[in-house]
Amino acid sequence: MSPQISDRKWACIGAAALTGLAAAIVFGIHPGGFEGQVAWLFALLPATLAVHPFSDCVYMVAPHVERGAFWILVITFNFAWYWGVSYGRIKIRRFLVGT
């Protein structure tokens, strides 16, 4: 008997792996110079741009918490982005294969 894992759980595994890989590339490998690093940040962690308005709202309420809230939101939003990408890819593959 093989346990069946739902598509949502497979997408969570994929999202965690992709988010970790993107963070390792951006913050560990440091590709390119300064300008290249900014381009890689926005290419691999695209939700970073969407987090800034929320970060500004947090700064208005509690300025000392803004930095931590920013990074929590960056990780959360990018995980959600990669979850959507992974889930969409899984659904498309299942549709094309017909299982």
PDB file of N, CA and C in Angstrom:
ATOM      1  N   MET A   1       0.826  -1.171   0.000  1.00  0.00           N
ATOM      2  CA  MET A   1       0.000   0.000   0.000  1.00  0.00           C
ATOM      3  C   MET A   1       0.876   1.242   0.000  1.00  0.00           C
ATOM      4  N   SER A   2       0.704   2.062  -0.998  1.00  0.00           N
ATOM      5  CA  SER A   2       1.476   3.308  -1.037  1.00  0.00           C
ATOM      6  C   SER A   2       0.578   4.451  -0.591  1.00  0.00           C
ATOM      7  N   PRO A   3       1.069   5.260   0.321  1.00  0.00           N
ATOM      8  CA  PRO A   3       0.252   6.390   0.771  1.00  0.00           C
ATOM      9  C   PRO A   3       0.145   7.443  -0.330  1.00  0.00           C
ATOM     10  N   GLN A   4      -1.038   7.969  -0.491  1.00  0.00           N
ATOM     11  CA  GLN A   4      -1.265   9.013  -1.484  1.00  0.00           C
ATOM     12  C   GLN A   4      -1.025  10.377  -0.833  1.00  0.00           C
ATOM     13  N   ILE A   5      -0.238  11.180  -1.473  1.00  0.00           N
ATOM     14  CA  ILE A   5       0.014  12.533  -0.995  1.00  0.00           C
ATOM     15  C   ILE A   5      -0.743  13.477  -1.915  1.00  0.00           C
ATOM     16  N   SER A   6      -1.492  14.398  -1.321  1.00  0.00           N
ATOM     17  CA  SER A   6      -2.304  15.308  -2.123  1.00  0.00           C
ATOM     18  C   SER A   6      -1.423  16.294  -2.889  1.00  0.00           C
ATOM     19  N   ASP A   7      -2.012  16.876  -3.910  1.00  0.00           N
ATOM     20  CA  ASP A   7      -1.285  17.854  -4.723  1.00  0.00           C
ATOM     21  C   ASP A   7      -0.869  19.072  -3.902  1.00  0.00           C
ATOM     22  N   ARG A   8      -1.683  19.446  -2.942  1.00  0.00           N
ATOM     23  CA  ARG A   8      -1.354  20.603  -2.091  1.00  0.00           C
ATOM     24  C   ARG A   8      -0.095  20.345  -1.270  1.00  0.00           C
ATOM     25  N   LYS A   9       0.016  19.119  -0.765  1.00  0.00           N
ATOM     26  CA  LYS A   9       1.209  18.789   0.020  1.00  0.00           C
ATOM     27  C   LYS A   9       2.451  18.712  -0.860  1.00  0.00           C
ATOM     28  N   TRP A  10       2.316  18.156  -2.070  1.00  0.00           N
ATOM     29  CA  TRP A  10       3.442  18.152  -3.007  1.00  0.00           C
ATOM     30  C   TRP A  10       3.846  19.585  -3.329  1.00  0.00           C
ATOM     31  N   ALA A  11       2.848  20.467  -3.491  1.00  0.00           N
ATOM     32  CA  ALA A  11       3.144  21.871  -3.781  1.00  0.00           C
ATOM     33  C   ALA A  11       3.853  22.538  -2.606  1.00  0.00           C
ATOM     34  N   CYS A  12       3.490  22.165  -1.378  1.00  0.00           N
ATOM     35  CA  CYS A  12       4.183  22.719  -0.198  1.00  0.00           C
ATOM     36  C   CYS A  12       5.640  22.277  -0.161  1.00  0.00           C
ATOM     37  N   ILE A  13       5.885  21.025  -0.489  1.00  0.00           N
ATOM     38  CA  ILE A  13       7.266  20.527  -0.525  1.00  0.00           C
ATOM     39  C   ILE A  13       8.057  21.271  -1.596  1.00  0.00           C
ATOM     40  N   GLY A  14       7.453  21.414  -2.770  1.00  0.00           N
ATOM     41  CA  GLY A  14       8.116  22.140  -3.850  1.00  0.00           C
ATOM     42  C   GLY A  14       8.352  23.601  -3.515  1.00  0.00           C
ATOM     43  N   ALA A  15       7.358  24.231  -2.880  1.00  0.00           N
ATOM     44  CA  ALA A  15       7.494  25.642  -2.515  1.00  0.00           C
ATOM     45  C   ALA A  15       8.589  25.842  -1.478  1.00  0.00           C
ATOM     46  N   ALA A  16       8.658  24.949  -0.506  1.00  0.00           N
ATOM     47  CA  ALA A  16       9.716  25.066   0.499  1.00  0.00           C
ATOM     48  C   ALA A  16      11.085  24.888  -0.138  1.00  0.00           C
ATOM     49  N   ALA A  17      11.206  23.929  -1.045  1.00  0.00           N
ATOM     50  CA  ALA A  17      12.487  23.701  -1.716  1.00  0.00           C
ATOM     51  C   ALA A  17      12.865  24.888  -2.602  1.00  0.00           C
ATOM     52  N   LEU A  18      11.905  25.405  -3.365  1.00  0.00           N
ATOM     53  CA  LEU A  18      12.212  26.530  -4.253  1.00  0.00           C
ATOM     54  C   LEU A  18      12.513  27.813  -3.482  1.00  0.00           C
ATOM     55  N   THR A  19      11.776  28.058  -2.406  1.00  0.00           N
ATOM     56  CA  THR A  19      12.047  29.243  -1.590  1.00  0.00           C
ATOM     57  C   THR A  19      13.425  29.148  -0.943  1.00  0.00           C
ATOM     58  N   GLY A  20      13.754  27.975  -0.422  1.00  0.00           N
ATOM     59  CA  GLY A  20      15.076  27.782   0.179  1.00  0.00           C
ATOM     60  C   GLY A  20      16.190  27.910  -0.833  1.00  0.00           C
ATOM     61  N   LEU A  21      15.984  27.355  -2.024  1.00  0.00           N
ATOM     62  CA  LEU A  21      16.998  27.456  -3.070  1.00  0.00           C
ATOM     63  C   LEU A  21      17.186  28.904  -3.515  1.00  0.00           C
ATOM     64  N   ALA A  22      16.083  29.618  -3.689  1.00  0.00           N
ATOM     65  CA  ALA A  22      16.176  31.022  -4.092  1.00  0.00           C
ATOM     66  C   ALA A  22      16.880  31.857  -3.026  1.00  0.00           C
ATOM     67  N   ALA A  23      16.549  31.624  -1.761  1.00  0.00           N
ATOM     68  CA  ALA A  23      17.215  32.355  -0.681  1.00  0.00           C
ATOM     69  C   ALA A  23      18.693  32.001  -0.604  1.00  0.00           C
ATOM     70  N   ALA A  24      19.032  30.736  -0.820  1.00  0.00           N
ATOM     71  CA  ALA A  24      20.446  30.332  -0.796  1.00  0.00           C
ATOM     72  C   ALA A  24      21.220  30.983  -1.929  1.00  0.00           C
ATOM     73  N   ILE A  25      20.611  31.079  -3.093  1.00  0.00           N
ATOM     74  CA  ILE A  25      21.298  31.726  -4.218  1.00  0.00           C
ATOM     75  C   ILE A  25      21.478  33.212  -3.966  1.00  0.00           C
ATOM     76  N   VAL A  26      20.401  33.874  -3.531  1.00  0.00           N
ATOM     77  CA  VAL A  26      20.464  35.327  -3.351  1.00  0.00           C
ATOM     78  C   VAL A  26      21.360  35.714  -2.180  1.00  0.00           C
ATOM     79  N   PHE A  27      21.209  35.039  -1.036  1.00  0.00           N
ATOM     80  CA  PHE A  27      21.924  35.461   0.164  1.00  0.00           C
ATOM     81  C   PHE A  27      23.192  34.665   0.441  1.00  0.00           C
ATOM     82  N   GLY A  28      23.363  33.519  -0.192  1.00  0.00           N
ATOM     83  CA  GLY A  28      24.547  32.703   0.050  1.00  0.00           C
ATOM     84  C   GLY A  28      25.586  32.808  -1.043  1.00  0.00           C
ATOM     85  N   ILE A  29      25.159  32.691  -2.280  1.00  0.00           N
ATOM     86  CA  ILE A  29      26.097  32.684  -3.398  1.00  0.00           C
ATOM     87  C   ILE A  29      26.464  34.089  -3.841  1.00  0.00           C
ATOM     88  N   HIS A  30      25.548  35.046  -3.726  1.00  0.00           N
ATOM     89  CA  HIS A  30      25.755  36.439  -4.137  1.00  0.00           C
ATOM     90  C   HIS A  30      26.172  36.549  -5.603  1.00  0.00           C
ATOM     91  N   PRO A  31      25.312  36.161  -6.551  1.00  0.00           N
ATOM     92  CA  PRO A  31      25.699  36.257  -7.962  1.00  0.00           C
ATOM     93  C   PRO A  31      25.752  37.705  -8.425  1.00  0.00           C
ATOM     94  N   GLY A  32      26.720  38.028  -9.253  1.00  0.00           N
ATOM     95  CA  GLY A  32      26.845  39.376  -9.803  1.00  0.00           C
ATOM     96  C   GLY A  32      27.364  40.367  -8.779  1.00  0.00           C
ATOM     97  N   GLY A  33      27.526  41.589  -9.214  1.00  0.00           N
ATOM     98  CA  GLY A  33      27.926  42.670  -8.323  1.00  0.00           C
ATOM     99  C   GLY A  33      26.708  43.202  -7.585  1.00  0.00           C
ATOM    100  N   PHE A  34      26.752  44.470  -7.200  1.00  0.00           N
ATOM    101  CA  PHE A  34      25.630  45.053  -6.473  1.00  0.00           C
ATOM    102  C   PHE A  34      24.368  45.091  -7.331  1.00  0.00           C
ATOM    103  N   GLU A  35      24.503  45.572  -8.560  1.00  0.00           N
ATOM    104  CA  GLU A  35      23.345  45.652  -9.438  1.00  0.00           C
ATOM    105  C   GLU A  35      22.834  44.262  -9.797  1.00  0.00           C
ATOM    106  N   GLY A  36      23.747  43.349 -10.017  1.00  0.00           N
ATOM    107  CA  GLY A  36      23.355  41.981 -10.316  1.00  0.00           C
ATOM    108  C   GLY A  36      22.643  41.324  -9.145  1.00  0.00           C
ATOM    109  N   GLN A  37      23.095  41.634  -7.944  1.00  0.00           N
ATOM    110  CA  GLN A  37      22.463  41.079  -6.743  1.00  0.00           C
ATOM    111  C   GLN A  37      21.029  41.565  -6.611  1.00  0.00           C
ATOM    112  N   VAL A  38      20.790  42.824  -6.905  1.00  0.00           N
ATOM    113  CA  VAL A  38      19.427  43.363  -6.845  1.00  0.00           C
ATOM    114  C   VAL A  38      18.550  42.699  -7.896  1.00  0.00           C
ATOM    115  N   ALA A  39      19.085  42.491  -9.085  1.00  0.00           N
ATOM    116  CA  ALA A  39      18.320  41.832 -10.141  1.00  0.00           C
ATOM    117  C   ALA A  39      17.991  40.394  -9.761  1.00  0.00           C
ATOM    118  N   TRP A  40      18.938  39.671  -9.186  1.00  0.00           N
ATOM    119  CA  TRP A  40      18.676  38.305  -8.755  1.00  0.00           C
ATOM    120  C   TRP A  40      17.663  38.266  -7.624  1.00  0.00           C
ATOM    121  N   LEU A  41      17.718  39.230  -6.723  1.00  0.00           N
ATOM    122  CA  LEU A  41      16.747  39.289  -5.624  1.00  0.00           C
ATOM    123  C   LEU A  41      15.332  39.410  -6.177  1.00  0.00           C
ATOM    124  N   PHE A  42      15.127  40.351  -7.097  1.00  0.00           N
ATOM    125  CA  PHE A  42      13.788  40.556  -7.639  1.00  0.00           C
ATOM    126  C   PHE A  42      13.369  39.446  -8.585  1.00  0.00           C
ATOM    127  N   ALA A  43      14.319  38.756  -9.215  1.00  0.00           N
ATOM    128  CA  ALA A  43      13.973  37.655 -10.117  1.00  0.00           C
ATOM    129  C   ALA A  43      13.617  36.386  -9.337  1.00  0.00           C
ATOM    130  N   LEU A  44      14.385  36.071  -8.302  1.00  0.00           N
ATOM    131  CA  LEU A  44      14.156  34.827  -7.568  1.00  0.00           C
ATOM    132  C   LEU A  44      13.202  34.973  -6.394  1.00  0.00           C
ATOM    133  N   LEU A  45      13.092  36.156  -5.845  1.00  0.00           N
ATOM    134  CA  LEU A  45      12.164  36.409  -4.748  1.00  0.00           C
ATOM    135  C   LEU A  45      11.241  37.565  -5.150  1.00  0.00           C
ATOM    136  N   PRO A  46      10.336  37.318  -6.124  1.00  0.00           N
ATOM    137  CA  PRO A  46       9.565  38.412  -6.714  1.00  0.00           C
ATOM    138  C   PRO A  46       8.572  39.074  -5.772  1.00  0.00           C
ATOM    139  N   ALA A  47       8.139  38.400  -4.738  1.00  0.00           N
ATOM    140  CA  ALA A  47       7.161  38.991  -3.829  1.00  0.00           C
ATOM    141  C   ALA A  47       7.783  40.058  -2.927  1.00  0.00           C
ATOM    142  N   THR A  48       9.086  40.248  -3.022  1.00  0.00           N
ATOM    143  CA  THR A  48       9.746  41.279  -2.226  1.00  0.00           C
ATOM    144  C   THR A  48       9.184  42.661  -2.550  1.00  0.00           C
ATOM    145  N   LEU A  49       8.853  42.885  -3.805  1.00  0.00           N
ATOM    146  CA  LEU A  49       8.262  44.172  -4.190  1.00  0.00           C
ATOM    147  C   LEU A  49       6.882  44.359  -3.586  1.00  0.00           C
ATOM    148  N   ALA A  50       6.105  43.300  -3.473  1.00  0.00           N
ATOM    149  CA  ALA A  50       4.753  43.395  -2.932  1.00  0.00           C
ATOM    150  C   ALA A  50       4.751  43.602  -1.418  1.00  0.00           C
ATOM    151  N   VAL A  51       5.832  43.270  -0.755  1.00  0.00           N
ATOM    152  CA  VAL A  51       5.907  43.351   0.704  1.00  0.00           C
ATOM    153  C   VAL A  51       6.128  44.781   1.192  1.00  0.00           C
ATOM    154  N   HIS A  52       6.742  45.621   0.383  1.00  0.00           N
ATOM    155  CA  HIS A  52       7.091  46.964   0.833  1.00  0.00           C
ATOM    156  C   HIS A  52       5.899  47.788   1.329  1.00  0.00           C
ATOM    157  N   PRO A  53       4.741  47.804   0.673  1.00  0.00           N
ATOM    158  CA  PRO A  53       3.610  48.558   1.235  1.00  0.00           C
ATOM    159  C   PRO A  53       3.168  48.037   2.603  1.00  0.00           C
ATOM    160  N   PHE A  54       3.165  46.724   2.791  1.00  0.00           N
ATOM    161  CA  PHE A  54       2.807  46.164   4.090  1.00  0.00           C
ATOM    162  C   PHE A  54       3.853  46.520   5.142  1.00  0.00           C
ATOM    163  N   SER A  55       5.097  46.537   4.728  1.00  0.00           N
ATOM    164  CA  SER A  55       6.178  46.899   5.634  1.00  0.00           C
ATOM    165  C   SER A  55       6.048  48.356   6.079  1.00  0.00           C
ATOM    166  N   ASP A  56       5.639  49.218   5.166  1.00  0.00           N
ATOM    167  CA  ASP A  56       5.425  50.621   5.534  1.00  0.00           C
ATOM    168  C   ASP A  56       4.285  50.773   6.532  1.00  0.00           C
ATOM    169  N   CYS A  57       3.231  49.981   6.380  1.00  0.00           N
ATOM    170  CA  CYS A  57       2.123  50.021   7.344  1.00  0.00           C
ATOM    171  C   CYS A  57       2.589  49.575   8.723  1.00  0.00           C
ATOM    172  N   VAL A  58       3.408  48.543   8.769  1.00  0.00           N
ATOM    173  CA  VAL A  58       3.953  48.065  10.043  1.00  0.00           C
ATOM    174  C   VAL A  58       4.850  49.132  10.652  1.00  0.00           C
ATOM    175  N   TYR A  59       5.630  49.835   9.821  1.00  0.00           N
ATOM    176  CA  TYR A  59       6.524  50.870  10.317  1.00  0.00           C
ATOM    177  C   TYR A  59       5.746  52.018  10.964  1.00  0.00           C
ATOM    178  N   MET A  60       4.583  52.356  10.399  1.00  0.00           N
ATOM    179  CA  MET A  60       3.767  53.436  10.976  1.00  0.00           C
ATOM    180  C   MET A  60       3.209  53.057  12.340  1.00  0.00           C
ATOM    181  N   VAL A  61       2.924  51.777  12.533  1.00  0.00           N
ATOM    182  CA  VAL A  61       2.352  51.325  13.804  1.00  0.00           C
ATOM    183  C   VAL A  61       3.447  51.058  14.842  1.00  0.00           C
ATOM    184  N   ALA A  62       4.470  50.315  14.451  1.00  0.00           N
ATOM    185  CA  ALA A  62       5.535  49.931  15.384  1.00  0.00           C
ATOM    186  C   ALA A  62       6.868  49.925  14.639  1.00  0.00           C
ATOM    187  N   PRO A  63       7.600  51.042  14.674  1.00  0.00           N
ATOM    188  CA  PRO A  63       8.841  51.148  13.892  1.00  0.00           C
ATOM    189  C   PRO A  63       9.909  50.118  14.265  1.00  0.00           C
ATOM    190  N   HIS A  64       9.976  49.724  15.521  1.00  0.00           N
ATOM    191  CA  HIS A  64      11.032  48.800  15.945  1.00  0.00           C
ATOM    192  C   HIS A  64      10.781  47.361  15.482  1.00  0.00           C
ATOM    193  N   VAL A  65       9.584  47.056  15.046  1.00  0.00           N
ATOM    194  CA  VAL A  65       9.229  45.704  14.618  1.00  0.00           C
ATOM    195  C   VAL A  65       9.321  45.560  13.098  1.00  0.00           C
ATOM    196  N   GLU A  66       9.504  46.668  12.404  1.00  0.00           N
ATOM    197  CA  GLU A  66       9.402  46.682  10.939  1.00  0.00           C
ATOM    198  C   GLU A  66      10.388  45.750  10.259  1.00  0.00           C
ATOM    199  N   ARG A  67      11.600  45.697  10.708  1.00  0.00           N
ATOM    200  CA  ARG A  67      12.610  44.865  10.036  1.00  0.00           C
ATOM    201  C   ARG A  67      12.270  43.380  10.123  1.00  0.00           C
ATOM    202  N   GLY A  68      11.899  42.920  11.297  1.00  0.00           N
ATOM    203  CA  GLY A  68      11.514  41.518  11.456  1.00  0.00           C
ATOM    204  C   GLY A  68      10.247  41.189  10.688  1.00  0.00           C
ATOM    205  N   ALA A  69       9.278  42.099  10.726  1.00  0.00           N
ATOM    206  CA  ALA A  69       8.032  41.885   9.991  1.00  0.00           C
ATOM    207  C   ALA A  69       8.294  41.848   8.492  1.00  0.00           C
ATOM    208  N   PHE A  70       9.216  42.681   8.021  1.00  0.00           N
ATOM    209  CA  PHE A  70       9.549  42.685   6.600  1.00  0.00           C
ATOM    210  C   PHE A  70      10.065  41.329   6.156  1.00  0.00           C
ATOM    211  N   TRP A  71      10.991  40.742   6.901  1.00  0.00           N
ATOM    212  CA  TRP A  71      11.569  39.463   6.487  1.00  0.00           C
ATOM    213  C   TRP A  71      10.581  38.317   6.638  1.00  0.00           C
ATOM    214  N   ILE A  72       9.732  38.373   7.646  1.00  0.00           N
ATOM    215  CA  ILE A  72       8.686  37.357   7.774  1.00  0.00           C
ATOM    216  C   ILE A  72       7.728  37.438   6.597  1.00  0.00           C
ATOM    217  N   LEU A  73       7.345  38.647   6.212  1.00  0.00           N
ATOM    218  CA  LEU A  73       6.455  38.822   5.064  1.00  0.00           C
ATOM    219  C   LEU A  73       7.130  38.401   3.763  1.00  0.00           C
ATOM    220  N   VAL A  74       8.414  38.687   3.612  1.00  0.00           N
ATOM    221  CA  VAL A  74       9.132  38.277   2.395  1.00  0.00           C
ATOM    222  C   VAL A  74       9.117  36.758   2.266  1.00  0.00           C
ATOM    223  N   ILE A  75       9.438  36.055   3.334  1.00  0.00           N
ATOM    224  CA  ILE A  75       9.449  34.590   3.294  1.00  0.00           C
ATOM    225  C   ILE A  75       8.039  34.059   3.031  1.00  0.00           C
ATOM    226  N   THR A  76       7.038  34.614   3.715  1.00  0.00           N
ATOM    227  CA  THR A  76       5.664  34.139   3.568  1.00  0.00           C
ATOM    228  C   THR A  76       5.130  34.383   2.163  1.00  0.00           C
ATOM    229  N   PHE A  77       5.297  35.591   1.648  1.00  0.00           N
ATOM    230  CA  PHE A  77       4.773  35.917   0.324  1.00  0.00           C
ATOM    231  C   PHE A  77       5.486  35.114  -0.757  1.00  0.00           C
ATOM    232  N   ASN A  78       6.791  34.944  -0.652  1.00  0.00           N
ATOM    233  CA  ASN A  78       7.517  34.171  -1.654  1.00  0.00           C
ATOM    234  C   ASN A  78       7.175  32.690  -1.570  1.00  0.00           C
ATOM    235  N   PHE A  79       6.943  32.184  -0.355  1.00  0.00           N
ATOM    236  CA  PHE A  79       6.487  30.798  -0.228  1.00  0.00           C
ATOM    237  C   PHE A  79       5.139  30.634  -0.926  1.00  0.00           C
ATOM    238  N   ALA A  80       4.230  31.594  -0.721  1.00  0.00           N
ATOM    239  CA  ALA A  80       2.921  31.530  -1.379  1.00  0.00           C
ATOM    240  C   ALA A  80       3.075  31.612  -2.901  1.00  0.00           C
ATOM    241  N   TRP A  81       3.987  32.447  -3.375  1.00  0.00           N
ATOM    242  CA  TRP A  81       4.234  32.557  -4.815  1.00  0.00           C
ATOM    243  C   TRP A  81       4.726  31.229  -5.379  1.00  0.00           C
ATOM    244  N   TYR A  82       5.716  30.630  -4.739  1.00  0.00           N
ATOM    245  CA  TYR A  82       6.256  29.373  -5.224  1.00  0.00           C
ATOM    246  C   TYR A  82       5.268  28.224  -5.032  1.00  0.00           C
ATOM    247  N   TRP A  83       4.401  28.306  -4.015  1.00  0.00           N
ATOM    248  CA  TRP A  83       3.364  27.294  -3.857  1.00  0.00           C
ATOM    249  C   TRP A  83       2.404  27.345  -5.044  1.00  0.00           C
ATOM    250  N   GLY A  84       2.001  28.542  -5.434  1.00  0.00           N
ATOM    251  CA  GLY A  84       1.127  28.690  -6.591  1.00  0.00           C
ATOM    252  C   GLY A  84       1.767  28.182  -7.874  1.00  0.00           C
ATOM    253  N   VAL A  85       3.030  28.494  -8.054  1.00  0.00           N
ATOM    254  CA  VAL A  85       3.750  28.012  -9.237  1.00  0.00           C
ATOM    255  C   VAL A  85       3.839  26.489  -9.223  1.00  0.00           C
ATOM    256  N   SER A  86       4.187  25.909  -8.082  1.00  0.00           N
ATOM    257  CA  SER A  86       4.304  24.456  -7.982  1.00  0.00           C
ATOM    258  C   SER A  86       2.954  23.774  -8.165  1.00  0.00           C
ATOM    259  N   TYR A  87       1.923  24.308  -7.547  1.00  0.00           N
ATOM    260  CA  TYR A  87       0.589  23.716  -7.651  1.00  0.00           C
ATOM    261  C   TYR A  87       0.083  23.788  -9.088  1.00  0.00           C
ATOM    262  N   GLY A  88       0.301  24.908  -9.739  1.00  0.00           N
ATOM    263  CA  GLY A  88      -0.098  25.035 -11.135  1.00  0.00           C
ATOM    264  C   GLY A  88       0.634  24.053 -12.026  1.00  0.00           C
ATOM    265  N   ARG A  89       1.920  23.885 -11.801  1.00  0.00           N
ATOM    266  CA  ARG A  89       2.704  22.936 -12.600  1.00  0.00           C
ATOM    267  C   ARG A  89       2.230  21.507 -12.371  1.00  0.00           C
ATOM    268  N   ILE A  90       1.913  21.163 -11.132  1.00  0.00           N
ATOM    269  CA  ILE A  90       1.425  19.817 -10.832  1.00  0.00           C
ATOM    270  C   ILE A  90       0.088  19.574 -11.524  1.00  0.00           C
ATOM    271  N   LYS A  91      -0.818  20.540 -11.444  1.00  0.00           N
ATOM    272  CA  LYS A  91      -2.133  20.381 -12.065  1.00  0.00           C
ATOM    273  C   LYS A  91      -2.032  20.284 -13.587  1.00  0.00           C
ATOM    274  N   ILE A  92      -1.169  21.083 -14.182  1.00  0.00           N
ATOM    275  CA  ILE A  92      -0.982  21.025 -15.644  1.00  0.00           C
ATOM    276  C   ILE A  92      -0.400  19.678 -16.030  1.00  0.00           C
ATOM    277  N   ARG A  93       0.578  19.209 -15.293  1.00  0.00           N
ATOM    278  CA  ARG A  93       1.185  17.907 -15.600  1.00  0.00           C
ATOM    279  C   ARG A  93       0.166  16.786 -15.458  1.00  0.00           C
ATOM    280  N   ARG A  94      -0.628  16.812 -14.405  1.00  0.00           N
ATOM    281  CA  ARG A  94      -1.652  15.770 -14.230  1.00  0.00           C
ATOM    282  C   ARG A  94      -2.703  15.820 -15.331  1.00  0.00           C
ATOM    283  N   PHE A  95      -3.042  17.019 -15.786  1.00  0.00           N
ATOM    284  CA  PHE A  95      -4.009  17.149 -16.870  1.00  0.00           C
ATOM    285  C   PHE A  95      -3.444  16.595 -18.180  1.00  0.00           C
ATOM    286  N   LEU A  96      -2.180  16.917 -18.459  1.00  0.00           N
ATOM    287  CA  LEU A  96      -1.575  16.455 -19.706  1.00  0.00           C
ATOM    288  C   LEU A  96      -1.316  14.954 -19.707  1.00  0.00           C
ATOM    289  N   VAL A  97      -0.928  14.410 -18.564  1.00  0.00           N
ATOM    290  CA  VAL A  97      -0.677  12.981 -18.476  1.00  0.00           C
ATOM    291  C   VAL A  97      -1.998  12.206 -18.424  1.00  0.00           C
ATOM    292  N   GLY A  98      -3.005  12.803 -17.815  1.00  0.00           N
ATOM    293  CA  GLY A  98      -4.321  12.184 -17.753  1.00  0.00           C
ATOM    294  C   GLY A  98      -4.520  11.198 -16.641  1.00  0.00           C
ATOM    295  N   THR A  99      -3.798  11.398 -15.516  1.00  0.00           N
ATOM    296  CA  THR A  99      -3.988  10.496 -14.382  1.00  0.00           C
ATOM    297  C   THR A  99      -4.922  11.086 -13.365  1.00  0.00           C
TER     298      THR A  99
END
